[in-house]
Amino acid sequence: MLGKDSGRAGVTFLGAGRVDVLRFGPDPEGLVRYVTVGMSREPMTSATSAVVDTSGPRAELVLSLHGLHDEVLRPLAALASSPTVEGVIVSPGASLDVGDPLWRDGRAQAVLVAEPGGLIPDLDLGDAFPDAAPVQFLPVLPLMPEEAAYKRIHGAAALQEKWLAEGTDVRDPERWPVRLL
């Protein structure tokens, strides 16, 4: 599907297991994909839940960018550890914020979680974990601060409509925010 990884890094956060981020590419079009490994180790459970639901959702994150931006490895690993550290259930339409640029000289400090099933199909854990939900590979799309604010007010679908209407390439690390008025 993505081929052999062209690099990897691992990060461990207090209270969470190791999260690796694998780099795939660049492909012939210059796209580089960063994929987390380790977020799906445990099912996601809300911080307010008293019991861990072993059949709860499991996911990994996939970020696609034009060109190499390996500075994104640590922030992406931090986002992937948020279910364990913060009790967050990451699902399509959610936004996740790291509070700092995702890569050097970048403006994006957050990501919008998109629908799974496009680039990488769900992974069934099979007989080893019969009650476990399949692992979903959730695309994450870089958000500029203005876009994150717009999404909070109008919702993820409205922001995605703006991107589509303007022909925004969200994989362009040097892009400007979409016109929001």
C-alpha atoms as a PDB file:
ATOM      1  CA  MET A   1       0.000   0.000   0.000  1.00  0.00           C
ATOM      2  CA  LEU A   2       2.509   2.642   1.132  1.00  0.00           C
ATOM      3  CA  GLY A   3       5.643   0.543   0.560  1.00  0.00           C
ATOM      4  CA  LYS A   4       8.644   0.424   2.840  1.00  0.00           C
ATOM      5  CA  ASP A   5       9.056   3.233   5.334  1.00  0.00           C
ATOM      6  CA  SER A   6      11.844   5.715   4.591  1.00  0.00           C
ATOM      7  CA  GLY A   7      12.368   6.776   8.200  1.00  0.00           C
ATOM      8  CA  ARG A   8      10.952   6.492  11.664  1.00  0.00           C
ATOM      9  CA  ALA A   9      11.105   8.027  15.100  1.00  0.00           C
ATOM     10  CA  GLY A  10       9.714   6.986  18.456  1.00  0.00           C
ATOM     11  CA  VAL A  11       8.501   9.114  21.313  1.00  0.00           C
ATOM     12  CA  THR A  12       7.420   8.083  24.797  1.00  0.00           C
ATOM     13  CA  PHE A  13       5.265  10.363  26.930  1.00  0.00           C
ATOM     14  CA  LEU A  14       4.756  10.044  30.664  1.00  0.00           C
ATOM     15  CA  GLY A  15       1.657   7.921  31.236  1.00  0.00           C
ATOM     16  CA  ALA A  16       1.609   6.507  27.705  1.00  0.00           C
ATOM     17  CA  GLY A  17       3.359   3.781  25.773  1.00  0.00           C
ATOM     18  CA  ARG A  18       5.785   4.449  22.962  1.00  0.00           C
ATOM     19  CA  VAL A  19       4.354   5.945  19.776  1.00  0.00           C
ATOM     20  CA  ASP A  20       6.354   5.528  16.599  1.00  0.00           C
ATOM     21  CA  VAL A  21       5.873   7.683  13.535  1.00  0.00           C
ATOM     22  CA  LEU A  22       6.852   6.129  10.226  1.00  0.00           C
ATOM     23  CA  ARG A  23       7.676   8.203   7.169  1.00  0.00           C
ATOM     24  CA  PHE A  24       6.716   6.925   3.710  1.00  0.00           C
ATOM     25  CA  GLY A  25       8.009   8.683   0.611  1.00  0.00           C
ATOM     26  CA  PRO A  26       8.401  11.013  -0.985  1.00  0.00           C
ATOM     27  CA  ASP A  27       6.383   9.380  -3.739  1.00  0.00           C
ATOM     28  CA  PRO A  28       6.799  10.404  -7.412  1.00  0.00           C
ATOM     29  CA  GLU A  29       4.510  13.403  -6.807  1.00  0.00           C
ATOM     30  CA  GLY A  30       6.580  14.557  -3.818  1.00  0.00           C
ATOM     31  CA  LEU A  31       4.028  13.491  -1.192  1.00  0.00           C
ATOM     32  CA  VAL A  32       5.340  12.268   2.138  1.00  0.00           C
ATOM     33  CA  ARG A  33       3.065  10.361   4.493  1.00  0.00           C
ATOM     34  CA  TYR A  34       3.636  10.211   8.235  1.00  0.00           C
ATOM     35  CA  VAL A  35       1.804   7.354   9.969  1.00  0.00           C
ATOM     36  CA  THR A  36       1.621   6.736  13.719  1.00  0.00           C
ATOM     37  CA  VAL A  37       2.057   3.285  15.220  1.00  0.00           C
ATOM     38  CA  GLY A  38       1.107   2.693  18.849  1.00  0.00           C
ATOM     39  CA  MET A  39      -2.008   4.818  19.271  1.00  0.00           C
ATOM     40  CA  SER A  40      -4.173   1.755  18.602  1.00  0.00           C
ATOM     41  CA  ARG A  41      -2.424  -0.363  21.223  1.00  0.00           C
ATOM     42  CA  GLU A  42      -5.329   0.263  23.596  1.00  0.00           C
ATOM     43  CA  PRO A  43      -8.952   1.103  22.746  1.00  0.00           C
ATOM     44  CA  MET A  44      -9.845   4.761  23.172  1.00  0.00           C
ATOM     45  CA  THR A  45     -11.862   5.451  26.294  1.00  0.00           C
ATOM     46  CA  SER A  46     -13.227   8.754  27.571  1.00  0.00           C
ATOM     47  CA  ALA A  47     -11.506  10.211  30.622  1.00  0.00           C
ATOM     48  CA  THR A  48     -14.912  10.258  32.354  1.00  0.00           C
ATOM     49  CA  SER A  49     -15.468   6.516  31.845  1.00  0.00           C
ATOM     50  CA  ALA A  50     -14.990   4.347  34.944  1.00  0.00           C
ATOM     51  CA  VAL A  51     -14.364   1.203  32.889  1.00  0.00           C
ATOM     52  CA  VAL A  52     -12.169   0.560  29.846  1.00  0.00           C
ATOM     53  CA  ASP A  53     -14.287  -0.750  26.977  1.00  0.00           C
ATOM     54  CA  THR A  54     -12.089  -3.377  25.290  1.00  0.00           C
ATOM     55  CA  SER A  55     -14.218  -3.144  22.147  1.00  0.00           C
ATOM     56  CA  GLY A  56     -13.768   0.639  21.977  1.00  0.00           C
ATOM     57  CA  PRO A  57     -12.442   2.387  18.889  1.00  0.00           C
ATOM     58  CA  ARG A  58      -8.792   2.042  17.861  1.00  0.00           C
ATOM     59  CA  ALA A  59      -7.017   4.322  15.424  1.00  0.00           C
ATOM     60  CA  GLU A  60      -3.749   5.558  13.992  1.00  0.00           C
ATOM     61  CA  LEU A  61      -3.123   8.967  12.396  1.00  0.00           C
ATOM     62  CA  VAL A  62      -1.967   9.643   8.830  1.00  0.00           C
ATOM     63  CA  LEU A  63      -0.584  13.046   7.790  1.00  0.00           C
ATOM     64  CA  SER A  64       0.250  13.706   4.120  1.00  0.00           C
ATOM     65  CA  LEU A  65       2.423  16.665   3.106  1.00  0.00           C
ATOM     66  CA  HIS A  66       4.303  17.850   0.046  1.00  0.00           C
ATOM     67  CA  GLY A  67       8.005  17.416   0.828  1.00  0.00           C
ATOM     68  CA  LEU A  68       9.936  16.277   3.874  1.00  0.00           C
ATOM     69  CA  HIS A  69       8.906  17.922   7.149  1.00  0.00           C
ATOM     70  CA  ASP A  70      10.310  15.562   9.744  1.00  0.00           C
ATOM     71  CA  GLU A  71       9.821  18.191  12.465  1.00  0.00           C
ATOM     72  CA  VAL A  72       6.209  16.942  12.493  1.00  0.00           C
ATOM     73  CA  LEU A  73       7.254  13.595  14.030  1.00  0.00           C
ATOM     74  CA  ARG A  74       7.127  14.710  17.680  1.00  0.00           C
ATOM     75  CA  PRO A  75       3.891  16.757  17.423  1.00  0.00           C
ATOM     76  CA  LEU A  76       2.181  13.913  15.551  1.00  0.00           C
ATOM     77  CA  ALA A  77       3.307  11.432  18.219  1.00  0.00           C
ATOM     78  CA  ALA A  78       1.944  13.812  20.889  1.00  0.00           C
ATOM     79  CA  LEU A  79      -1.430  13.911  19.114  1.00  0.00           C
ATOM     80  CA  ALA A  80      -1.445  10.105  18.891  1.00  0.00           C
ATOM     81  CA  SER A  81      -0.812   9.822  22.632  1.00  0.00           C
ATOM     82  CA  SER A  82      -3.757  12.103  23.527  1.00  0.00           C
ATOM     83  CA  PRO A  83      -6.247   9.203  23.915  1.00  0.00           C
ATOM     84  CA  THR A  84      -4.033   7.617  26.575  1.00  0.00           C
ATOM     85  CA  VAL A  85      -2.740  10.771  28.266  1.00  0.00           C
ATOM     86  CA  GLU A  86      -5.891  12.927  28.126  1.00  0.00           C
ATOM     87  CA  GLY A  87      -8.679  10.373  27.726  1.00  0.00           C
ATOM     88  CA  VAL A  88      -9.680  11.838  24.369  1.00  0.00           C
ATOM     89  CA  ILE A  89     -11.564   9.770  21.814  1.00  0.00           C
ATOM     90  CA  VAL A  90     -10.226  10.839  18.432  1.00  0.00           C
ATOM     91  CA  SER A  91     -12.878  10.672  15.715  1.00  0.00           C
ATOM     92  CA  PRO A  92     -13.660  12.311  12.361  1.00  0.00           C
ATOM     93  CA  GLY A  93     -14.585  15.979  12.693  1.00  0.00           C
ATOM     94  CA  ALA A  94     -12.475  16.490  15.819  1.00  0.00           C
ATOM     95  CA  SER A  95      -9.634  18.946  15.901  1.00  0.00           C
ATOM     96  CA  LEU A  96      -6.470  18.360  17.886  1.00  0.00           C
ATOM     97  CA  ASP A  97      -4.151  21.217  18.856  1.00  0.00           C
ATOM     98  CA  VAL A  98      -0.479  21.016  19.818  1.00  0.00           C
ATOM     99  CA  GLY A  99      -0.114  24.734  20.634  1.00  0.00           C
ATOM    100  CA  ASP A 100       3.071  25.101  18.564  1.00  0.00           C
ATOM    101  CA  PRO A 101       3.744  24.890  14.834  1.00  0.00           C
ATOM    102  CA  LEU A 102       3.585  21.335  13.509  1.00  0.00           C
ATOM    103  CA  TRP A 103       6.799  21.925  11.504  1.00  0.00           C
ATOM    104  CA  ARG A 104       9.532  24.582  11.323  1.00  0.00           C
ATOM    105  CA  ASP A 105       8.299  27.888   9.898  1.00  0.00           C
ATOM    106  CA  GLY A 106       4.777  26.472   9.610  1.00  0.00           C
ATOM    107  CA  ARG A 107       1.586  28.226  10.649  1.00  0.00           C
ATOM    108  CA  ALA A 108      -0.496  25.116  11.324  1.00  0.00           C
ATOM    109  CA  GLN A 109      -0.741  24.272  15.020  1.00  0.00           C
ATOM    110  CA  ALA A 110      -3.672  21.889  14.883  1.00  0.00           C
ATOM    111  CA  VAL A 111      -5.162  19.191  12.697  1.00  0.00           C
ATOM    112  CA  LEU A 112      -8.669  18.296  11.594  1.00  0.00           C
ATOM    113  CA  VAL A 113      -9.424  14.581  11.792  1.00  0.00           C
ATOM    114  CA  ALA A 114     -10.949  13.405   8.507  1.00  0.00           C
ATOM    115  CA  GLU A 115     -12.965  10.312   7.590  1.00  0.00           C
ATOM    116  CA  PRO A 116     -11.087   6.993   7.405  1.00  0.00           C
ATOM    117  CA  GLY A 117     -11.113   4.505   4.568  1.00  0.00           C
ATOM    118  CA  GLY A 118      -9.457   6.416   1.771  1.00  0.00           C
ATOM    119  CA  LEU A 119      -5.739   5.756   1.594  1.00  0.00           C
ATOM    120  CA  ILE A 120      -5.431   2.892   4.091  1.00  0.00           C
ATOM    121  CA  PRO A 121      -8.307   0.486   4.770  1.00  0.00           C
ATOM    122  CA  ASP A 122      -9.299  -0.496   8.309  1.00  0.00           C
ATOM    123  CA  LEU A 123      -7.204  -3.244   9.888  1.00  0.00           C
ATOM    124  CA  ASP A 124      -9.152  -6.128  11.420  1.00  0.00           C
ATOM    125  CA  LEU A 125      -7.334  -7.497  14.466  1.00  0.00           C
ATOM    126  CA  GLY A 126      -8.814 -10.937  13.801  1.00  0.00           C
ATOM    127  CA  ASP A 127      -8.841 -13.902  16.132  1.00  0.00           C
ATOM    128  CA  ALA A 128      -6.083 -12.505  18.350  1.00  0.00           C
ATOM    129  CA  PHE A 129      -8.491  -9.836  19.633  1.00  0.00           C
ATOM    130  CA  PRO A 130     -11.987 -11.032  18.655  1.00  0.00           C
ATOM    131  CA  ASP A 131     -13.847  -8.295  20.588  1.00  0.00           C
ATOM    132  CA  ALA A 132     -11.587  -5.487  19.381  1.00  0.00           C
ATOM    133  CA  ALA A 133     -12.797  -2.908  16.908  1.00  0.00           C
ATOM    134  CA  PRO A 134     -10.783  -2.693  13.693  1.00  0.00           C
ATOM    135  CA  VAL A 135      -7.981  -0.131  13.650  1.00  0.00           C
ATOM    136  CA  GLN A 136      -8.986   2.889  11.584  1.00  0.00           C
ATOM    137  CA  PHE A 137      -6.344   5.000   9.847  1.00  0.00           C
ATOM    138  CA  LEU A 138      -7.560   8.563  10.310  1.00  0.00           C
ATOM    139  CA  PRO A 139      -6.229  11.220   7.930  1.00  0.00           C
ATOM    140  CA  VAL A 140      -5.323  14.433   9.722  1.00  0.00           C
ATOM    141  CA  LEU A 141      -5.374  17.744   7.844  1.00  0.00           C
ATOM    142  CA  PRO A 142      -3.269  20.715   8.997  1.00  0.00           C
ATOM    143  CA  LEU A 143      -5.315  23.620  10.363  1.00  0.00           C
ATOM    144  CA  MET A 144      -4.251  27.249  10.423  1.00  0.00           C
ATOM    145  CA  PRO A 145      -5.343  29.168  13.566  1.00  0.00           C
ATOM    146  CA  GLU A 146      -8.038  31.041  11.602  1.00  0.00           C
ATOM    147  CA  GLU A 147      -9.380  27.778  10.205  1.00  0.00           C
ATOM    148  CA  ALA A 148      -9.428  26.160  13.646  1.00  0.00           C
ATOM    149  CA  ALA A 149     -11.490  29.094  14.957  1.00  0.00           C
ATOM    150  CA  TYR A 150     -13.867  28.858  11.978  1.00  0.00           C
ATOM    151  CA  LYS A 151     -14.254  25.109  12.546  1.00  0.00           C
ATOM    152  CA  ARG A 152     -15.122  25.672  16.234  1.00  0.00           C
ATOM    153  CA  ILE A 153     -17.930  28.029  15.241  1.00  0.00           C
ATOM    154  CA  HIS A 154     -19.246  26.508  11.995  1.00  0.00           C
ATOM    155  CA  GLY A 155     -18.174  22.841  12.217  1.00  0.00           C
ATOM    156  CA  ALA A 156     -15.833  20.571  10.316  1.00  0.00           C
ATOM    157  CA  ALA A 157     -18.155  20.105   7.315  1.00  0.00           C
ATOM    158  CA  ALA A 158     -18.395  23.858   6.714  1.00  0.00           C
ATOM    159  CA  LEU A 159     -14.601  24.212   6.787  1.00  0.00           C
ATOM    160  CA  GLN A 160     -14.153  21.288   4.402  1.00  0.00           C
ATOM    161  CA  GLU A 161     -16.696  22.881   2.043  1.00  0.00           C
ATOM    162  CA  LYS A 162     -14.619  26.091   2.077  1.00  0.00           C
ATOM    163  CA  TRP A 163     -11.476  24.106   1.247  1.00  0.00           C
ATOM    164  CA  LEU A 164     -13.236  22.355  -1.642  1.00  0.00           C
ATOM    165  CA  ALA A 165     -14.788  25.562  -3.003  1.00  0.00           C
ATOM    166  CA  GLU A 166     -11.401  27.311  -2.994  1.00  0.00           C
ATOM    167  CA  GLY A 167      -9.453  24.311  -4.329  1.00  0.00           C
ATOM    168  CA  THR A 168      -7.245  24.302  -1.233  1.00  0.00           C
ATOM    169  CA  ASP A 169      -4.461  21.718  -1.173  1.00  0.00           C
ATOM    170  CA  VAL A 170      -4.328  20.994   2.565  1.00  0.00           C
ATOM    171  CA  ARG A 171      -1.170  18.950   1.973  1.00  0.00           C
ATOM    172  CA  ASP A 172       0.753  22.120   1.020  1.00  0.00           C
ATOM    173  CA  PRO A 173       2.817  23.073   4.086  1.00  0.00           C
ATOM    174  CA  GLU A 174       3.296  26.627   2.786  1.00  0.00           C
ATOM    175  CA  ARG A 175      -0.354  27.374   2.070  1.00  0.00           C
ATOM    176  CA  TRP A 176      -2.265  30.276   3.491  1.00  0.00           C
ATOM    177  CA  PRO A 177      -5.586  29.824   5.292  1.00  0.00           C
ATOM    178  CA  VAL A 178      -8.632  29.524   3.097  1.00  0.00           C
ATOM    179  CA  ARG A 179     -10.772  32.668   2.685  1.00  0.00           C
ATOM    180  CA  LEU A 180     -13.356  32.370   5.432  1.00  0.00           C
ATOM    181  CA  LEU A 181     -15.651  35.319   4.680  1.00  0.00           C
END
